[in-house]
Amino acid sequence: MLAPKDSILTAEDIEIEKRNMKKLFPYIESFNAFLITNEILDVIERRKITGRHRLLKAFCGEKSEHELFIICNN
């Protein structure tokens, strides 16, 4: 988790970290399990992501046009 207020990360550093997390995520946890245990909101589209294909597109799409807000259900 990134805490920009508590660190010396610049906005550019945070963007780099977000891109790296998006690249690594599919190798860490399955998308099916992630959808079950979390609610994922697309801030740009103002929609809840419920389908595996939409989550895959948000994380692995060529364009980084999705800003995701993730709420853990645990």
Protein backbone atom coordinates (compact mmCIF):
# COMPACT_ATOMS: atom_id res chain seq x y z
CA MET A 1 0.00 0.00 0.00
CA LEU A 2 1.27 3.43 -0.89
CA ALA A 3 0.87 6.23 1.61
CA PRO A 4 1.75 9.43 -0.27
CA LYS A 5 1.14 11.71 2.73
CA ASP A 6 3.59 9.75 4.89
CA SER A 7 6.38 9.38 2.37
CA ILE A 8 8.67 11.35 0.15
CA LEU A 9 7.25 9.83 -3.04
CA THR A 10 6.53 12.27 -5.81
CA ALA A 11 3.44 11.99 -8.00
CA GLU A 12 5.61 10.45 -10.72
CA ASP A 13 6.98 7.85 -8.27
CA ILE A 14 3.45 6.91 -7.27
CA GLU A 15 2.41 6.48 -10.92
CA ILE A 16 5.41 4.21 -11.51
CA GLU A 17 4.50 2.10 -8.46
CA LYS A 18 0.88 1.82 -9.65
CA ARG A 19 2.03 0.61 -13.08
CA ASN A 20 4.35 -1.94 -11.47
CA MET A 21 1.58 -3.25 -9.22
CA LYS A 22 -0.73 -3.64 -12.21
CA LYS A 23 1.95 -5.64 -14.05
CA LEU A 24 2.67 -7.94 -11.10
CA PHE A 25 -0.86 -8.51 -9.83
CA PRO A 26 -1.97 -11.26 -12.26
CA TYR A 27 0.97 -13.39 -11.14
CA ILE A 28 0.23 -12.94 -7.43
CA GLU A 29 -3.48 -13.74 -7.13
CA SER A 30 -6.13 -15.19 -9.41
CA PHE A 31 -8.69 -12.72 -10.70
CA ASN A 32 -11.56 -15.03 -9.70
CA ALA A 33 -10.44 -15.12 -6.07
CA PHE A 34 -9.81 -11.37 -6.10
CA LEU A 35 -13.36 -10.66 -7.33
CA ILE A 36 -14.84 -12.83 -4.57
CA THR A 37 -12.90 -11.25 -1.71
CA ASN A 38 -12.96 -7.61 -2.86
CA GLU A 39 -15.21 -4.98 -4.38
CA ILE A 40 -13.49 -3.16 -7.24
CA LEU A 41 -14.75 0.23 -8.32
CA ASP A 42 -13.61 1.93 -11.51
CA VAL A 43 -13.40 5.59 -10.54
CA ILE A 44 -13.19 6.86 -14.12
CA GLU A 45 -16.21 4.94 -15.42
CA ARG A 46 -18.04 5.18 -12.05
CA ARG A 47 -18.92 1.50 -12.16
CA LYS A 48 -18.36 -1.57 -10.06
CA ILE A 49 -16.26 -4.19 -11.81
CA THR A 50 -17.99 -7.55 -11.46
CA GLY A 51 -16.72 -9.61 -14.37
CA ARG A 52 -13.36 -11.29 -14.65
CA HIS A 53 -12.92 -10.02 -18.22
CA ARG A 54 -13.45 -6.39 -17.14
CA LEU A 55 -10.97 -6.79 -14.27
CA LEU A 56 -8.46 -8.35 -16.63
CA LYS A 57 -8.92 -5.46 -19.05
CA ALA A 58 -8.47 -2.91 -16.25
CA PHE A 59 -5.22 -4.49 -15.04
CA CYS A 60 -3.71 -5.78 -18.26
CA GLY A 61 -5.11 -3.46 -20.90
CA GLU A 62 -2.75 -1.55 -23.13
CA LYS A 63 -4.06 1.80 -21.95
CA SER A 64 -3.84 2.72 -18.30
CA GLU A 65 -7.14 4.59 -18.31
CA HIS A 66 -8.63 2.86 -15.27
CA GLU A 67 -8.33 4.22 -11.75
CA LEU A 68 -9.41 1.45 -9.40
CA PHE A 69 -10.61 1.69 -5.83
CA ILE A 70 -10.44 -1.68 -4.07
CA ILE A 71 -12.49 -2.49 -0.97
CA CYS A 72 -11.59 -5.66 0.91
CA ASN A 73 -14.65 -7.62 2.04
CA ASN A 74 -12.78 -9.44 4.83
